[in-house]
Amino acid sequence: MKLIKPEFQIKPETAAQAGAVERLYDDVFGPARFHKASYQFRDGVAPVKELSWIALEGDRPGKDRLVGVIRYWPILVGETGHPALLLGPLAIAPDKAGKGIGRALMFKTLELAAQLGHDLVLLVGDVDYYKRFGFVPATPHGFVMPGETRPDRLQVAPLKDNVLGKIAGELRHLHSGLPAVALKAAKRPARRARAR
């Protein structure tokens, strides 16, 4: 009987892989990703280490190829500042799309998030893709991402029973407690008045 090796393996991201992770994000999303509303919540915040996972193709150390990555970021929700997670981005090497890499990363990290005691995950993405992981449109449940131009793509997944309906409101930056767009505006340097 011939053993079939999996095409990829998933494992926690290490600090040494950060550069390769950023290159994969560049390849998949390009520099425009930094201008999306969701990126404002990542400014000055480290991803949740336990939930930063990668997928590698190959099984020889130093010879494997990064083909998938997922990260989660801590955020606050609503006036009470309820802690939650912002998922993303999930990135898969274009030539490996449809191979189950995204599915494996999603299921593994959502399971870990629940085990770590998190109760709510939000993301901006394709509704049809993410519904298989328990995500539903967030706007009807009272969630708002300031600055998001496509609020229909904001989604939420409860990791505990009876969370939806009890927690809602604007997503807020972890460090300031402000909506991320307000934080971004506060960081802009003041313009000097022109001398006449």
C-alpha atoms as a PDB file:
ATOM      1  CA  MET A   1       0.000   0.000   0.000  1.00  0.00           C
ATOM      2  CA  LYS A   2       1.442   3.364  -1.029  1.00  0.00           C
ATOM      3  CA  LEU A   3       1.243   6.201   1.489  1.00  0.00           C
ATOM      4  CA  ILE A   4      -0.023   9.477   0.093  1.00  0.00           C
ATOM      5  CA  LYS A   5       1.661  12.538   1.554  1.00  0.00           C
ATOM      6  CA  PRO A   6      -0.509  15.607   2.005  1.00  0.00           C
ATOM      7  CA  GLU A   7       0.181  18.422  -0.442  1.00  0.00           C
ATOM      8  CA  PHE A   8       0.600  20.881   2.417  1.00  0.00           C
ATOM      9  CA  GLN A   9       1.004  21.089   6.166  1.00  0.00           C
ATOM     10  CA  ILE A  10      -0.305  23.765   8.480  1.00  0.00           C
ATOM     11  CA  LYS A  11       1.565  25.058  11.493  1.00  0.00           C
ATOM     12  CA  PRO A  12       1.951  28.157  13.656  1.00  0.00           C
ATOM     13  CA  GLU A  13       3.755  31.076  12.036  1.00  0.00           C
ATOM     14  CA  THR A  14       7.179  31.873  13.490  1.00  0.00           C
ATOM     15  CA  ALA A  15       8.909  35.257  13.680  1.00  0.00           C
ATOM     16  CA  ALA A  16      11.415  34.042  11.074  1.00  0.00           C
ATOM     17  CA  GLN A  17       8.573  33.624   8.553  1.00  0.00           C
ATOM     18  CA  ALA A  18       7.197  37.171   8.887  1.00  0.00           C
ATOM     19  CA  GLY A  19       8.972  38.418   5.738  1.00  0.00           C
ATOM     20  CA  ALA A  20       7.691  35.508   3.644  1.00  0.00           C
ATOM     21  CA  VAL A  21       4.184  36.072   5.025  1.00  0.00           C
ATOM     22  CA  GLU A  22       4.251  39.743   3.991  1.00  0.00           C
ATOM     23  CA  ARG A  23       5.520  38.777   0.508  1.00  0.00           C
ATOM     24  CA  LEU A  24       2.603  36.348   0.095  1.00  0.00           C
ATOM     25  CA  TYR A  25       0.182  39.090   1.162  1.00  0.00           C
ATOM     26  CA  ASP A  26       1.810  41.396  -1.422  1.00  0.00           C
ATOM     27  CA  ASP A  27       1.488  38.737  -4.132  1.00  0.00           C
ATOM     28  CA  VAL A  28      -2.173  38.036  -3.354  1.00  0.00           C
ATOM     29  CA  PHE A  29      -3.529  41.483  -2.421  1.00  0.00           C
ATOM     30  CA  GLY A  30      -0.920  44.021  -3.519  1.00  0.00           C
ATOM     31  CA  PRO A  31      -0.146  47.301  -1.776  1.00  0.00           C
ATOM     32  CA  ALA A  32      -3.770  48.483  -2.043  1.00  0.00           C
ATOM     33  CA  ARG A  33      -4.561  46.305   0.973  1.00  0.00           C
ATOM     34  CA  PHE A  34      -3.052  48.947   3.262  1.00  0.00           C
ATOM     35  CA  HIS A  35      -5.788  51.398   2.239  1.00  0.00           C
ATOM     36  CA  LYS A  36      -8.690  49.152   3.234  1.00  0.00           C
ATOM     37  CA  ALA A  37     -10.728  50.041   6.311  1.00  0.00           C
ATOM     38  CA  SER A  38      -9.829  46.754   7.998  1.00  0.00           C
ATOM     39  CA  TYR A  39      -6.128  47.612   7.926  1.00  0.00           C
ATOM     40  CA  GLN A  40      -6.700  50.643  10.146  1.00  0.00           C
ATOM     41  CA  PHE A  41      -7.438  48.251  13.013  1.00  0.00           C
ATOM     42  CA  ARG A  42      -4.035  46.582  12.564  1.00  0.00           C
ATOM     43  CA  ASP A  43      -2.043  49.809  12.782  1.00  0.00           C
ATOM     44  CA  GLY A  44       0.306  49.552  15.768  1.00  0.00           C
ATOM     45  CA  VAL A  45      -1.164  46.223  16.890  1.00  0.00           C
ATOM     46  CA  ALA A  46       0.504  42.822  16.740  1.00  0.00           C
ATOM     47  CA  PRO A  47      -1.489  39.872  15.410  1.00  0.00           C
ATOM     48  CA  VAL A  48      -2.583  37.253  17.929  1.00  0.00           C
ATOM     49  CA  LYS A  49       0.433  34.935  17.941  1.00  0.00           C
ATOM     50  CA  GLU A  50      -1.483  31.757  18.789  1.00  0.00           C
ATOM     51  CA  LEU A  51      -3.812  32.336  15.837  1.00  0.00           C
ATOM     52  CA  SER A  52      -1.197  33.247  13.215  1.00  0.00           C
ATOM     53  CA  TRP A  53      -0.852  30.102  11.113  1.00  0.00           C
ATOM     54  CA  ILE A  54       0.745  29.200   7.797  1.00  0.00           C
ATOM     55  CA  ALA A  55       0.514  26.454   5.201  1.00  0.00           C
ATOM     56  CA  LEU A  56       3.690  25.011   3.703  1.00  0.00           C
ATOM     57  CA  GLU A  57       4.064  22.927   0.570  1.00  0.00           C
ATOM     58  CA  GLY A  58       6.780  20.285   0.790  1.00  0.00           C
ATOM     59  CA  ASP A  59       8.244  18.493   3.746  1.00  0.00           C
ATOM     60  CA  ARG A  60      11.946  19.289   3.611  1.00  0.00           C
ATOM     61  CA  PRO A  61      13.062  22.044   5.988  1.00  0.00           C
ATOM     62  CA  GLY A  62      14.379  25.001   4.040  1.00  0.00           C
ATOM     63  CA  LYS A  63      12.938  23.618   0.802  1.00  0.00           C
ATOM     64  CA  ASP A  64       9.263  24.101   1.575  1.00  0.00           C
ATOM     65  CA  ARG A  65       7.171  26.891   0.082  1.00  0.00           C
ATOM     66  CA  LEU A  66       4.736  29.167   1.896  1.00  0.00           C
ATOM     67  CA  VAL A  67       1.353  28.713   0.203  1.00  0.00           C
ATOM     68  CA  GLY A  68      -1.114  30.022   2.784  1.00  0.00           C
ATOM     69  CA  VAL A  69      -1.379  32.322   5.767  1.00  0.00           C
ATOM     70  CA  ILE A  70      -4.004  33.519   8.218  1.00  0.00           C
ATOM     71  CA  ARG A  71      -3.822  36.071  11.016  1.00  0.00           C
ATOM     72  CA  TYR A  72      -6.206  37.481  13.620  1.00  0.00           C
ATOM     73  CA  TRP A  73      -6.033  40.880  15.313  1.00  0.00           C
ATOM     74  CA  PRO A  74      -7.469  41.995  18.637  1.00  0.00           C
ATOM     75  CA  ILE A  75     -10.137  44.692  18.412  1.00  0.00           C
ATOM     76  CA  LEU A  76     -12.841  46.174  20.614  1.00  0.00           C
ATOM     77  CA  VAL A  77     -16.565  46.313  19.807  1.00  0.00           C
ATOM     78  CA  GLY A  78     -19.173  48.838  20.883  1.00  0.00           C
ATOM     79  CA  GLU A  79     -19.289  51.397  23.661  1.00  0.00           C
ATOM     80  CA  THR A  80     -18.371  48.786  26.264  1.00  0.00           C
ATOM     81  CA  GLY A  81     -15.202  47.827  24.384  1.00  0.00           C
ATOM     82  CA  HIS A  82     -15.996  44.120  24.229  1.00  0.00           C
ATOM     83  CA  PRO A  83     -12.848  42.243  23.100  1.00  0.00           C
ATOM     84  CA  ALA A  84     -13.176  40.490  19.747  1.00  0.00           C
ATOM     85  CA  LEU A  85     -11.030  39.258  16.869  1.00  0.00           C
ATOM     86  CA  LEU A  86     -10.633  40.651  13.360  1.00  0.00           C
ATOM     87  CA  LEU A  87      -9.698  37.838  10.989  1.00  0.00           C
ATOM     88  CA  GLY A  88      -7.505  38.451   8.032  1.00  0.00           C
ATOM     89  CA  PRO A  89      -6.274  38.483   5.716  1.00  0.00           C
ATOM     90  CA  LEU A  90      -6.475  34.876   4.706  1.00  0.00           C
ATOM     91  CA  ALA A  91      -4.149  34.523   1.725  1.00  0.00           C
ATOM     92  CA  ILE A  92      -3.529  31.509  -0.483  1.00  0.00           C
ATOM     93  CA  ALA A  93      -0.917  31.369  -3.250  1.00  0.00           C
ATOM     94  CA  PRO A  94      -2.911  31.851  -6.490  1.00  0.00           C
ATOM     95  CA  ASP A  95      -1.627  28.600  -8.021  1.00  0.00           C
ATOM     96  CA  LYS A  96      -2.868  26.692  -4.943  1.00  0.00           C
ATOM     97  CA  ALA A  97      -6.423  28.047  -4.795  1.00  0.00           C
ATOM     98  CA  GLY A  98      -9.093  25.373  -4.449  1.00  0.00           C
ATOM     99  CA  LYS A  99      -6.777  22.818  -2.799  1.00  0.00           C
ATOM    100  CA  GLY A 100      -8.326  23.060   0.691  1.00  0.00           C
ATOM    101  CA  ILE A 101      -5.573  25.212   2.196  1.00  0.00           C
ATOM    102  CA  GLY A 102      -7.876  28.074   3.180  1.00  0.00           C
ATOM    103  CA  ARG A 103     -10.421  25.650   4.592  1.00  0.00           C
ATOM    104  CA  ALA A 104      -7.762  23.914   6.721  1.00  0.00           C
ATOM    105  CA  LEU A 105      -6.405  27.217   8.061  1.00  0.00           C
ATOM    106  CA  MET A 106      -9.898  28.533   8.818  1.00  0.00           C
ATOM    107  CA  PHE A 107     -11.168  25.479  10.680  1.00  0.00           C
ATOM    108  CA  LYS A 108      -7.960  25.042  12.681  1.00  0.00           C
ATOM    109  CA  THR A 109      -7.699  28.674  13.796  1.00  0.00           C
ATOM    110  CA  LEU A 110     -11.399  29.130  14.568  1.00  0.00           C
ATOM    111  CA  GLU A 111     -11.228  26.020  16.739  1.00  0.00           C
ATOM    112  CA  LEU A 112      -8.150  27.405  18.509  1.00  0.00           C
ATOM    113  CA  ALA A 113      -9.801  30.817  18.976  1.00  0.00           C
ATOM    114  CA  ALA A 114     -12.746  29.167  20.724  1.00  0.00           C
ATOM    115  CA  GLN A 115     -10.410  27.082  22.895  1.00  0.00           C
ATOM    116  CA  LEU A 116      -8.560  30.270  23.888  1.00  0.00           C
ATOM    117  CA  GLY A 117     -11.856  31.740  25.123  1.00  0.00           C
ATOM    118  CA  HIS A 118     -12.634  34.194  22.309  1.00  0.00           C
ATOM    119  CA  ASP A 119     -16.338  34.591  21.618  1.00  0.00           C
ATOM    120  CA  LEU A 120     -16.580  36.739  18.488  1.00  0.00           C
ATOM    121  CA  VAL A 121     -14.733  36.945  15.140  1.00  0.00           C
ATOM    122  CA  LEU A 122     -15.334  39.566  12.471  1.00  0.00           C
ATOM    123  CA  LEU A 123     -13.947  39.876   8.955  1.00  0.00           C
ATOM    124  CA  VAL A 124     -14.464  41.624   5.651  1.00  0.00           C
ATOM    125  CA  GLY A 125     -14.746  39.167   2.784  1.00  0.00           C
ATOM    126  CA  ASP A 126     -16.783  37.079   0.399  1.00  0.00           C
ATOM    127  CA  VAL A 127     -20.063  36.040   2.004  1.00  0.00           C
ATOM    128  CA  ASP A 128     -20.405  32.845  -0.025  1.00  0.00           C
ATOM    129  CA  TYR A 129     -16.917  31.642   0.913  1.00  0.00           C
ATOM    130  CA  TYR A 130     -17.027  32.383   4.642  1.00  0.00           C
ATOM    131  CA  LYS A 131     -20.550  31.143   5.418  1.00  0.00           C
ATOM    132  CA  ARG A 132     -19.247  27.545   5.475  1.00  0.00           C
ATOM    133  CA  PHE A 133     -17.248  28.531   8.586  1.00  0.00           C
ATOM    134  CA  GLY A 134     -20.244  29.939  10.456  1.00  0.00           C
ATOM    135  CA  PHE A 135     -20.004  33.576   9.356  1.00  0.00           C
ATOM    136  CA  VAL A 136     -23.132  35.634   8.723  1.00  0.00           C
ATOM    137  CA  PRO A 137     -23.598  39.243   7.590  1.00  0.00           C
ATOM    138  CA  ALA A 138     -22.690  41.472  10.545  1.00  0.00           C
ATOM    139  CA  THR A 139     -24.632  44.638   9.723  1.00  0.00           C
ATOM    140  CA  PRO A 140     -28.062  43.107  10.504  1.00  0.00           C
ATOM    141  CA  HIS A 141     -26.670  42.203  13.946  1.00  0.00           C
ATOM    142  CA  GLY A 142     -25.657  45.802  14.660  1.00  0.00           C
ATOM    143  CA  PHE A 143     -21.939  45.710  13.806  1.00  0.00           C
ATOM    144  CA  VAL A 144     -20.335  48.639  11.975  1.00  0.00           C
ATOM    145  CA  MET A 145     -16.813  48.990  10.621  1.00  0.00           C
ATOM    146  CA  PRO A 146     -16.169  52.723  10.256  1.00  0.00           C
ATOM    147  CA  GLY A 147     -14.763  53.551   6.837  1.00  0.00           C
ATOM    148  CA  GLU A 148     -15.803  50.269   5.206  1.00  0.00           C
ATOM    149  CA  THR A 149     -17.211  51.106   1.777  1.00  0.00           C
ATOM    150  CA  ARG A 150     -18.831  47.670   1.366  1.00  0.00           C
ATOM    151  CA  PRO A 151     -20.639  47.014   4.657  1.00  0.00           C
ATOM    152  CA  ASP A 152     -22.383  44.023   3.063  1.00  0.00           C
ATOM    153  CA  ARG A 153     -19.006  42.226   3.207  1.00  0.00           C
ATOM    154  CA  LEU A 154     -18.596  42.722   6.973  1.00  0.00           C
ATOM    155  CA  GLN A 155     -19.285  39.348   8.585  1.00  0.00           C
ATOM    156  CA  VAL A 156     -19.368  37.914  12.081  1.00  0.00           C
ATOM    157  CA  ALA A 157     -19.042  34.425  13.572  1.00  0.00           C
ATOM    158  CA  PRO A 158     -20.012  33.764  17.173  1.00  0.00           C
ATOM    159  CA  LEU A 159     -17.726  31.248  18.883  1.00  0.00           C
ATOM    160  CA  LYS A 160     -20.050  30.881  21.871  1.00  0.00           C
ATOM    161  CA  ASP A 161     -23.805  30.476  22.107  1.00  0.00           C
ATOM    162  CA  ASN A 162     -26.018  33.535  22.523  1.00  0.00           C
ATOM    163  CA  VAL A 163     -23.339  36.114  21.673  1.00  0.00           C
ATOM    164  CA  LEU A 164     -25.146  37.707  18.728  1.00  0.00           C
ATOM    165  CA  GLY A 165     -27.762  40.100  19.997  1.00  0.00           C
ATOM    166  CA  LYS A 166     -25.830  40.815  23.193  1.00  0.00           C
ATOM    167  CA  ILE A 167     -22.759  42.429  21.618  1.00  0.00           C
ATOM    168  CA  ALA A 168     -22.922  44.984  18.817  1.00  0.00           C
ATOM    169  CA  GLY A 169     -21.680  48.404  17.778  1.00  0.00           C
ATOM    170  CA  GLU A 170     -18.743  50.027  16.047  1.00  0.00           C
ATOM    171  CA  LEU A 171     -15.479  48.174  15.742  1.00  0.00           C
ATOM    172  CA  ARG A 172     -12.794  50.056  17.655  1.00  0.00           C
ATOM    173  CA  HIS A 173      -9.009  50.118  17.618  1.00  0.00           C
ATOM    174  CA  LEU A 174      -7.467  48.094  20.448  1.00  0.00           C
ATOM    175  CA  HIS A 175      -5.177  50.811  21.817  1.00  0.00           C
ATOM    176  CA  SER A 176      -7.350  53.874  21.644  1.00  0.00           C
ATOM    177  CA  GLY A 177     -10.848  52.531  22.024  1.00  0.00           C
ATOM    178  CA  LEU A 178     -11.730  54.878  19.155  1.00  0.00           C
ATOM    179  CA  PRO A 179     -13.112  53.868  15.790  1.00  0.00           C
ATOM    180  CA  ALA A 180     -10.027  53.308  13.631  1.00  0.00           C
ATOM    181  CA  VAL A 181     -10.925  56.156  11.250  1.00  0.00           C
ATOM    182  CA  ALA A 182     -10.880  58.596  14.179  1.00  0.00           C
ATOM    183  CA  LEU A 183      -7.494  57.260  15.259  1.00  0.00           C
ATOM    184  CA  LYS A 184      -6.115  57.692  11.740  1.00  0.00           C
ATOM    185  CA  ALA A 185      -7.350  61.294  11.611  1.00  0.00           C
ATOM    186  CA  ALA A 186      -5.795  62.013  15.007  1.00  0.00           C
ATOM    187  CA  LYS A 187      -2.394  60.791  13.783  1.00  0.00           C
ATOM    188  CA  ARG A 188      -2.292  63.182  10.812  1.00  0.00           C
ATOM    189  CA  PRO A 189       0.078  66.071  11.396  1.00  0.00           C
ATOM    190  CA  ALA A 190      -1.563  69.451  11.663  1.00  0.00           C
ATOM    191  CA  ARG A 191      -1.151  71.650   8.606  1.00  0.00           C
ATOM    192  CA  ARG A 192       0.636  74.888   9.091  1.00  0.00           C
ATOM    193  CA  ALA A 193      -1.148  78.037   8.106  1.00  0.00           C
ATOM    194  CA  ARG A 194       0.402  79.628   5.041  1.00  0.00           C
ATOM    195  CA  ALA A 195       2.112  82.925   5.543  1.00  0.00           C
ATOM    196  CA  ARG A 196       0.506  85.594   3.433  1.00  0.00           C
END
